[in-house]
């Protein structure tokens, strides 16, 4: 069966099985979720961030910046899709806010270990349907490169992830109508300069998925792009711009392991192996798959209210990110950050929860 025929069959099937997913789910109208997988591990948050500044459906996607000199002083960068970029420390305290507009998804890639700037972050920005770029210095402070804004020409930018290979840094961005773009980023100046850098962007590739996408994550070493089609499932294809955009299914939505919508995606990297983490928004759970083919399913977990009553669980999660290095005693084998769509204790604006990878690895036997 051709990819086109396979995708068409799944679209028809999904439309028959999941018609209710075309309804808009509002934070003020909490609908009953589908049940989590029966053997899902129960995980508790180590801490949580201060709520984002905007009320309602605002927090969306995190990215983790690792301070290689002092890992315990790393940062979590989160989007407030109504007003800009939030930056938090590992205790969840706000350390910076950038009023960059309607930022939705964010990702980053590091530079070399010398020079003033440590990394570059990119965010999809619905204010002007652009890609916004942010330099990150050695202390984890962001600078918005407003002169390097990338006009995509898309109608509604949505999901975004970064990629790097022998061709340099690149950005994938998608539209709610299913279109994907792949952009290359090149420096207009030497990255070691002390002056503010500027970037040139070139459109490398465009392709289309069958229906609304959002979450994606690129595996730089394996040159693969994992992407979610919200009401269909998880797919993978080559991340190289000169390769065919042939979608291969990792897992279809079947209502238990994956319940629509498929949302955030992240990779936990451990030597030559590792894991793909996916937010299953419809049943408030998170599925883990092997990073390498055949992408076997390894288990699911959910984030529950802590027994001390201090931190609630996480529901209706949009974005997730993972760092696979030790970030201090609280996160000895890495950290997972998840967006919480319903912040209940007390009921406030949305925020982000921090989880210890060790807790998840032990619970699911991933060691």
Protein backbone atom coordinates (compact mmCIF):
# COMPACT_ATOMS: atom_id res chain seq x y z
CA UNK A 1 0.00 0.00 0.00
CA UNK A 2 1.38 3.43 -0.88
CA UNK A 3 1.93 6.08 1.80
CA UNK A 4 -0.82 8.19 0.23
CA UNK A 5 -3.33 5.34 0.32
CA UNK A 6 -2.32 4.40 3.86
CA UNK A 7 -2.76 7.97 5.08
CA UNK A 8 -6.11 8.34 3.29
CA UNK A 9 -7.41 5.17 4.95
CA UNK A 10 -6.38 6.46 8.37
CA UNK A 11 -7.96 9.85 7.81
CA UNK A 12 -11.30 8.20 7.00
CA UNK A 13 -11.00 5.93 10.02
CA UNK A 14 -10.08 8.77 12.36
CA UNK A 15 -12.97 10.93 11.15
CA UNK A 16 -15.43 8.13 11.90
CA UNK A 17 -14.06 7.23 15.32
CA UNK A 18 -13.21 10.64 16.74
CA UNK A 19 -15.80 13.22 15.60
CA UNK A 20 -15.96 14.80 19.06
CA UNK A 21 -12.39 16.00 18.74
CA UNK A 22 -13.52 18.82 16.45
CA UNK A 23 -15.14 20.48 19.49
CA UNK A 24 -13.17 23.23 21.19
CA UNK A 25 -12.15 22.28 24.71
CA UNK A 26 -11.99 25.32 27.00
CA UNK A 27 -10.15 25.47 30.28
CA UNK A 28 -13.37 26.63 31.96
CA UNK A 29 -15.22 23.59 30.66
CA UNK A 30 -13.21 20.56 31.76
CA UNK A 31 -14.45 17.50 29.91
CA UNK A 32 -13.93 13.99 31.18
CA UNK A 33 -10.72 12.56 29.74
CA UNK A 34 -10.25 9.14 28.23
CA UNK A 35 -8.78 6.61 30.69
CA UNK A 36 -5.00 6.37 30.94
CA UNK A 37 -3.30 3.09 30.06
CA UNK A 38 -4.18 0.63 32.85
CA UNK A 39 -0.52 0.07 33.76
CA UNK A 40 0.61 3.70 33.53
CA UNK A 41 3.15 4.64 36.20
CA UNK A 42 2.16 7.40 38.62
CA UNK A 43 4.78 10.15 38.88
CA UNK A 44 4.82 13.23 41.10
CA UNK A 45 6.30 16.60 40.21
CA UNK A 46 9.47 17.66 42.04
CA UNK A 47 8.49 21.30 41.69
CA UNK A 48 6.54 23.68 39.44
CA UNK A 49 7.07 27.09 37.95
CA UNK A 50 5.36 30.30 38.81
CA UNK A 51 2.23 30.56 36.63
CA UNK A 52 2.60 32.34 33.31
CA UNK A 53 1.47 35.94 33.27
CA UNK A 54 -1.54 35.47 31.00
CA UNK A 55 -4.81 33.95 32.16
CA UNK A 56 -6.69 31.17 30.38
CA UNK A 57 -5.08 28.93 27.77
CA UNK A 58 -1.63 30.52 27.73
CA UNK A 59 1.33 28.29 28.70
CA UNK A 60 2.30 25.96 25.87
CA UNK A 61 5.81 24.67 25.21
CA UNK A 62 9.07 24.47 27.21
CA UNK A 63 12.72 24.20 26.19
CA UNK A 64 15.54 23.40 28.60
CA UNK A 65 18.83 25.33 28.49
CA UNK A 66 21.63 23.46 30.26
CA UNK A 67 24.36 25.50 31.93
CA UNK A 68 27.37 23.30 31.15
CA UNK A 69 29.55 25.09 33.70
CA UNK A 70 26.98 24.91 36.52
CA UNK A 71 24.14 22.51 35.64
CA UNK A 72 22.12 23.39 38.76
CA UNK A 73 21.88 26.94 37.36
CA UNK A 74 20.16 25.80 34.14
CA UNK A 75 17.00 27.42 32.81
CA UNK A 76 13.55 26.39 31.60
CA UNK A 77 12.24 28.58 28.78
CA UNK A 78 8.47 28.47 28.32
CA UNK A 79 6.08 30.09 25.89
CA UNK A 80 3.10 32.15 26.98
CA UNK A 81 1.15 32.06 23.73
CA UNK A 82 -0.72 35.21 24.65
CA UNK A 83 2.23 37.43 25.47
CA UNK A 84 5.80 36.12 25.08
CA UNK A 85 8.61 34.11 26.63
CA UNK A 86 8.99 33.11 30.28
CA UNK A 87 12.35 32.02 31.71
CA UNK A 88 12.54 30.06 34.99
CA UNK A 89 15.26 28.64 37.21
CA UNK A 90 15.26 25.03 38.44
CA UNK A 91 13.28 26.06 41.51
CA UNK A 92 10.51 27.31 39.24
CA UNK A 93 11.10 30.99 39.92
CA UNK A 94 10.73 33.50 37.09
CA UNK A 95 14.06 35.09 36.17
CA UNK A 96 13.14 36.81 32.89
CA UNK A 97 10.15 37.69 30.72
CA UNK A 98 10.31 38.83 27.09
CA UNK A 99 7.13 40.41 25.63
CA UNK A 100 7.71 38.82 22.23
CA UNK A 101 4.05 38.34 21.28
CA UNK A 102 2.01 35.22 20.54
CA UNK A 103 4.79 32.64 20.83
CA UNK A 104 3.60 29.04 20.61
CA UNK A 105 6.43 26.44 20.39
CA UNK A 106 10.11 26.88 21.26
CA UNK A 107 13.32 24.87 20.85
CA UNK A 108 17.07 25.53 21.03
CA UNK A 109 20.48 24.33 19.91
CA UNK A 110 23.85 25.05 21.54
CA UNK A 111 26.87 26.78 20.03
CA UNK A 112 30.48 25.76 20.71
CA UNK A 113 31.74 26.06 24.27
CA UNK A 114 33.55 29.36 23.81
CA UNK A 115 32.31 32.79 22.87
CA UNK A 116 29.77 35.08 24.51
CA UNK A 117 26.67 33.21 23.33
CA UNK A 118 25.89 29.67 24.42
CA UNK A 119 22.83 28.81 22.32
CA UNK A 120 20.17 29.93 19.89
CA UNK A 121 16.46 29.45 20.52
CA UNK A 122 13.69 29.67 17.92
CA UNK A 123 9.97 30.12 18.55
CA UNK A 124 6.90 30.09 16.33
CA UNK A 125 5.23 33.49 16.67
CA UNK A 126 1.63 33.98 15.60
CA UNK A 127 1.81 37.75 15.99
CA UNK A 128 3.09 37.99 12.42
CA UNK A 129 3.35 34.27 11.49
CA UNK A 130 7.10 34.42 11.87
CA UNK A 131 9.93 32.48 13.46
CA UNK A 132 11.46 34.50 16.29
CA UNK A 133 15.11 33.96 17.25
CA UNK A 134 16.69 34.45 20.70
CA UNK A 135 20.35 34.38 21.65
CA UNK A 136 21.18 32.81 25.03
CA UNK A 137 24.30 33.97 26.86
CA UNK A 138 26.49 31.93 29.21
CA UNK A 139 24.32 32.87 32.20
CA UNK A 140 21.08 31.79 30.53
CA UNK A 141 19.77 35.26 29.71
CA UNK A 142 17.83 35.58 26.44
CA UNK A 143 18.09 38.40 23.89
CA UNK A 144 15.36 38.66 21.24
CA UNK A 145 16.81 39.22 17.75
CA UNK A 146 14.00 41.34 16.39
CA UNK A 147 15.99 42.21 13.27
CA UNK A 148 16.26 38.49 12.42
CA UNK A 149 12.54 37.73 12.44
CA UNK A 150 11.78 35.13 9.73
CA UNK A 151 8.59 35.72 7.70
CA UNK A 152 7.21 32.26 6.88
CA UNK A 153 4.28 33.19 4.64
CA UNK A 154 2.18 30.61 6.52
CA UNK A 155 -1.39 31.43 7.52
CA UNK A 156 -1.06 30.30 11.15
CA UNK A 157 2.32 29.15 12.45
CA UNK A 158 1.96 26.50 15.11
CA UNK A 159 4.50 23.81 16.00
CA UNK A 160 8.28 24.22 15.79
CA UNK A 161 11.48 22.29 16.48
CA UNK A 162 15.16 22.74 15.66
CA UNK A 163 17.64 20.43 13.91
CA UNK A 164 21.37 20.46 13.28
CA UNK A 165 23.49 18.36 10.91
CA UNK A 166 26.47 18.90 8.62
CA UNK A 167 24.48 21.64 6.88
CA UNK A 168 24.22 23.67 10.09
CA UNK A 169 21.33 24.82 12.28
CA UNK A 170 17.82 24.46 10.90
CA UNK A 171 14.23 25.04 11.99
CA UNK A 172 11.08 23.08 11.22
CA UNK A 173 7.83 25.02 11.55
CA UNK A 174 4.29 23.97 10.70
CA UNK A 175 0.89 25.48 10.02
CA UNK A 176 -2.46 24.33 11.39
CA UNK A 177 -3.43 23.42 7.80
CA UNK A 178 -0.76 20.68 7.68
CA UNK A 179 2.05 22.51 5.89
CA UNK A 180 5.64 22.06 7.11
CA UNK A 181 8.63 24.24 6.27
CA UNK A 182 12.32 23.58 6.85
CA UNK A 183 14.61 26.62 7.15
CA UNK A 184 18.40 26.87 7.36
CA UNK A 185 19.98 29.46 9.65
CA UNK A 186 23.36 30.99 8.90
CA UNK A 187 25.29 33.58 10.85
CA UNK A 188 25.75 37.01 9.39
CA UNK A 189 28.78 37.34 11.68
CA UNK A 190 31.27 35.11 13.48
CA UNK A 191 29.60 33.45 16.46
CA UNK A 192 32.58 34.33 18.68
CA UNK A 193 32.09 38.06 18.30
CA UNK A 194 30.98 40.10 21.31
CA UNK A 195 28.53 42.02 19.14
CA UNK A 196 24.90 40.99 18.81
CA UNK A 197 24.59 38.34 16.13
CA UNK A 198 22.22 38.37 13.17
CA UNK A 199 21.03 35.41 11.16
CA UNK A 200 20.06 34.77 7.57
CA UNK A 201 17.30 32.23 6.84
CA UNK A 202 16.76 30.20 3.68
CA UNK A 203 13.76 27.99 2.95
CA UNK A 204 15.06 24.49 2.18
CA UNK A 205 12.01 22.25 1.95
CA UNK A 206 8.23 22.21 2.21
CA UNK A 207 5.90 19.26 2.65
CA UNK A 208 2.35 18.59 3.83
CA UNK A 209 0.86 16.18 6.38
CA UNK A 210 -2.78 15.02 6.13
CA UNK A 211 -4.27 17.11 8.95
CA UNK A 212 -3.40 19.43 11.81
CA UNK A 213 0.11 18.90 13.26
CA UNK A 214 1.93 20.59 16.11
CA UNK A 215 4.55 18.79 18.16
CA UNK A 216 7.82 17.69 16.58
CA UNK A 217 11.36 16.83 17.63
CA UNK A 218 14.48 16.19 15.57
CA UNK A 219 17.08 13.53 16.30
CA UNK A 220 20.27 15.23 15.11
CA UNK A 221 22.52 12.17 15.30
CA UNK A 222 20.10 9.90 13.43
CA UNK A 223 18.85 12.71 11.15
CA UNK A 224 15.20 11.87 11.80
CA UNK A 225 12.19 14.08 12.40
CA UNK A 226 9.41 12.81 14.65
CA UNK A 227 6.14 14.66 14.28
CA UNK A 228 2.62 14.41 15.61
CA UNK A 229 -0.55 14.68 13.56
CA UNK A 230 -2.89 15.58 16.37
CA UNK A 231 -5.82 13.29 15.49
CA UNK A 232 -3.86 10.53 13.74
CA UNK A 233 -0.70 9.64 15.64
CA UNK A 234 3.10 9.76 15.56
CA UNK A 235 5.14 9.70 12.35
CA UNK A 236 8.81 9.79 11.43
CA UNK A 237 10.69 10.85 8.30
CA UNK A 238 14.16 11.92 7.25
CA UNK A 239 15.17 15.31 8.64
CA UNK A 240 17.49 15.95 5.69
CA UNK A 241 16.13 18.62 3.40
CA UNK A 242 17.30 16.75 0.29
CA UNK A 243 15.45 13.54 1.24
CA UNK A 244 11.88 12.60 0.26
CA UNK A 245 9.26 13.57 2.85
CA UNK A 246 7.98 10.00 3.23
CA UNK A 247 5.96 9.62 6.42
CA UNK A 248 6.26 6.34 8.29
CA UNK A 249 3.96 5.53 11.19
CA UNK A 250 5.45 5.08 14.65
CA UNK A 251 2.04 4.58 16.31
CA UNK A 252 -1.53 5.44 15.42
CA UNK A 253 -4.00 6.89 17.89
CA UNK A 254 -5.92 3.93 19.32
CA UNK A 255 -7.49 5.53 22.40
CA UNK A 256 -5.34 3.91 25.12
CA UNK A 257 -1.62 4.53 24.68
CA UNK A 258 -2.38 7.53 22.46
CA UNK A 259 -5.59 9.50 22.84
CA UNK A 260 -6.06 12.59 20.68
CA UNK A 261 -4.58 15.03 20.62
CA UNK A 262 -0.96 13.98 20.16
CA UNK A 263 0.91 17.03 21.41
CA UNK A 264 4.43 17.65 22.75
CA UNK A 265 7.46 15.54 21.82
CA UNK A 266 10.97 15.28 23.26
CA UNK A 267 14.00 12.97 23.10
CA UNK A 268 15.92 11.56 26.06
CA UNK A 269 19.36 10.71 24.68
CA UNK A 270 21.56 8.12 26.36
CA UNK A 271 24.64 7.13 24.34
CA UNK A 272 23.56 5.30 21.21
CA UNK A 273 20.07 4.63 22.56
CA UNK A 274 17.39 6.75 24.18
CA UNK A 275 13.66 7.39 24.22
CA UNK A 276 10.95 9.40 22.49
CA UNK A 277 8.51 11.03 24.92
CA UNK A 278 5.05 12.02 23.62
CA UNK A 279 2.19 13.85 25.34
CA UNK A 280 -1.13 12.00 24.92
CA UNK A 281 -3.39 14.93 25.71
CA UNK A 282 -6.72 13.11 25.50
CA UNK A 283 -6.01 10.89 28.50
CA UNK A 284 -3.57 13.07 30.44
CA UNK A 285 -0.67 10.66 30.02
CA UNK A 286 2.78 10.46 28.43
CA UNK A 287 3.95 7.59 26.22
CA UNK A 288 7.58 6.51 25.86
CA UNK A 289 9.03 4.75 22.82
CA UNK A 290 12.50 3.59 21.87
CA UNK A 291 14.31 6.31 19.96
CA UNK A 292 15.62 3.81 17.39
CA UNK A 293 13.68 1.56 15.00
CA UNK A 294 11.35 -0.25 15.38
CA UNK A 295 10.39 2.50 17.91
CA UNK A 296 8.96 0.00 20.39
CA UNK A 297 6.51 1.23 23.02
CA UNK A 298 8.09 1.11 26.51
CA UNK A 299 5.28 2.30 28.75
CA UNK A 300 3.27 5.31 29.88
CA UNK A 301 3.09 7.51 32.95
CA UNK A 302 0.79 10.16 34.36
CA UNK A 303 1.57 13.09 36.65
CA UNK A 304 -0.63 12.97 39.76
CA UNK A 305 -1.33 15.34 42.65
CA UNK A 306 1.38 15.07 45.25
CA UNK A 307 0.32 13.44 48.51
CA UNK A 308 1.52 16.44 50.54
CA UNK A 309 -1.00 18.60 48.67
CA UNK A 310 1.62 21.15 47.66
CA UNK A 311 1.80 20.50 43.92
CA UNK A 312 -0.97 19.23 41.67
CA UNK A 313 -0.58 16.89 38.74
CA UNK A 314 -0.57 17.79 35.05
CA UNK A 315 -3.53 17.57 32.71
CA UNK A 316 -4.17 18.43 29.06
CA UNK A 317 -0.44 18.82 28.47
CA UNK A 318 0.67 20.66 25.33
CA UNK A 319 4.46 20.90 25.23
CA UNK A 320 7.18 18.79 26.88
CA UNK A 321 10.97 18.81 26.94
CA UNK A 322 13.69 16.60 28.40
CA UNK A 323 17.33 17.15 29.36
CA UNK A 324 19.31 13.93 29.67
CA UNK A 325 22.14 15.18 31.91
CA UNK A 326 22.36 15.55 35.68
CA UNK A 327 21.05 18.92 36.85
CA UNK A 328 21.83 18.47 40.54
CA UNK A 329 20.44 16.34 43.40
CA UNK A 330 16.80 16.87 42.45
CA UNK A 331 17.39 15.73 38.86
CA UNK A 332 20.36 13.31 39.03
CA UNK A 333 19.66 11.64 35.66
CA UNK A 334 17.90 14.50 33.90
CA UNK A 335 14.71 16.53 33.99
CA UNK A 336 11.38 16.41 32.19
CA UNK A 337 9.32 19.60 31.95
CA UNK A 338 5.62 19.37 31.06
CA UNK A 339 3.03 22.07 30.51
CA UNK A 340 0.07 21.85 32.87
CA UNK A 341 -3.19 22.81 31.16
CA UNK A 342 -5.20 22.86 34.41
CA UNK A 343 -3.24 24.28 37.34
CA UNK A 344 -5.43 23.34 40.30
CA UNK A 345 -3.57 23.79 43.61
CA UNK A 346 -4.52 26.58 43.99
CA UNK A 347 -6.38 27.24 40.76
CA UNK A 348 -4.19 29.74 38.89
CA UNK A 349 -2.94 30.46 35.41
CA UNK A 350 -1.24 27.57 33.65
CA UNK A 351 2.32 26.62 34.53
CA UNK A 352 5.04 24.01 33.94
CA UNK A 353 5.81 20.98 36.13
CA UNK A 354 9.34 19.59 36.65
CA UNK A 355 9.80 15.80 36.90
CA UNK A 356 12.88 13.70 37.64
CA UNK A 357 13.83 11.32 34.84
CA UNK A 358 15.12 8.87 37.48
CA UNK A 359 11.58 8.48 38.88
CA UNK A 360 10.24 7.63 35.43
CA UNK A 361 13.13 5.31 34.52
CA UNK A 362 12.69 3.32 37.75
CA UNK A 363 8.90 3.14 37.43
CA UNK A 364 9.04 1.89 33.82
CA UNK A 365 12.21 -0.18 34.08
CA UNK A 366 14.15 1.91 31.56
CA UNK A 367 17.57 1.48 33.14
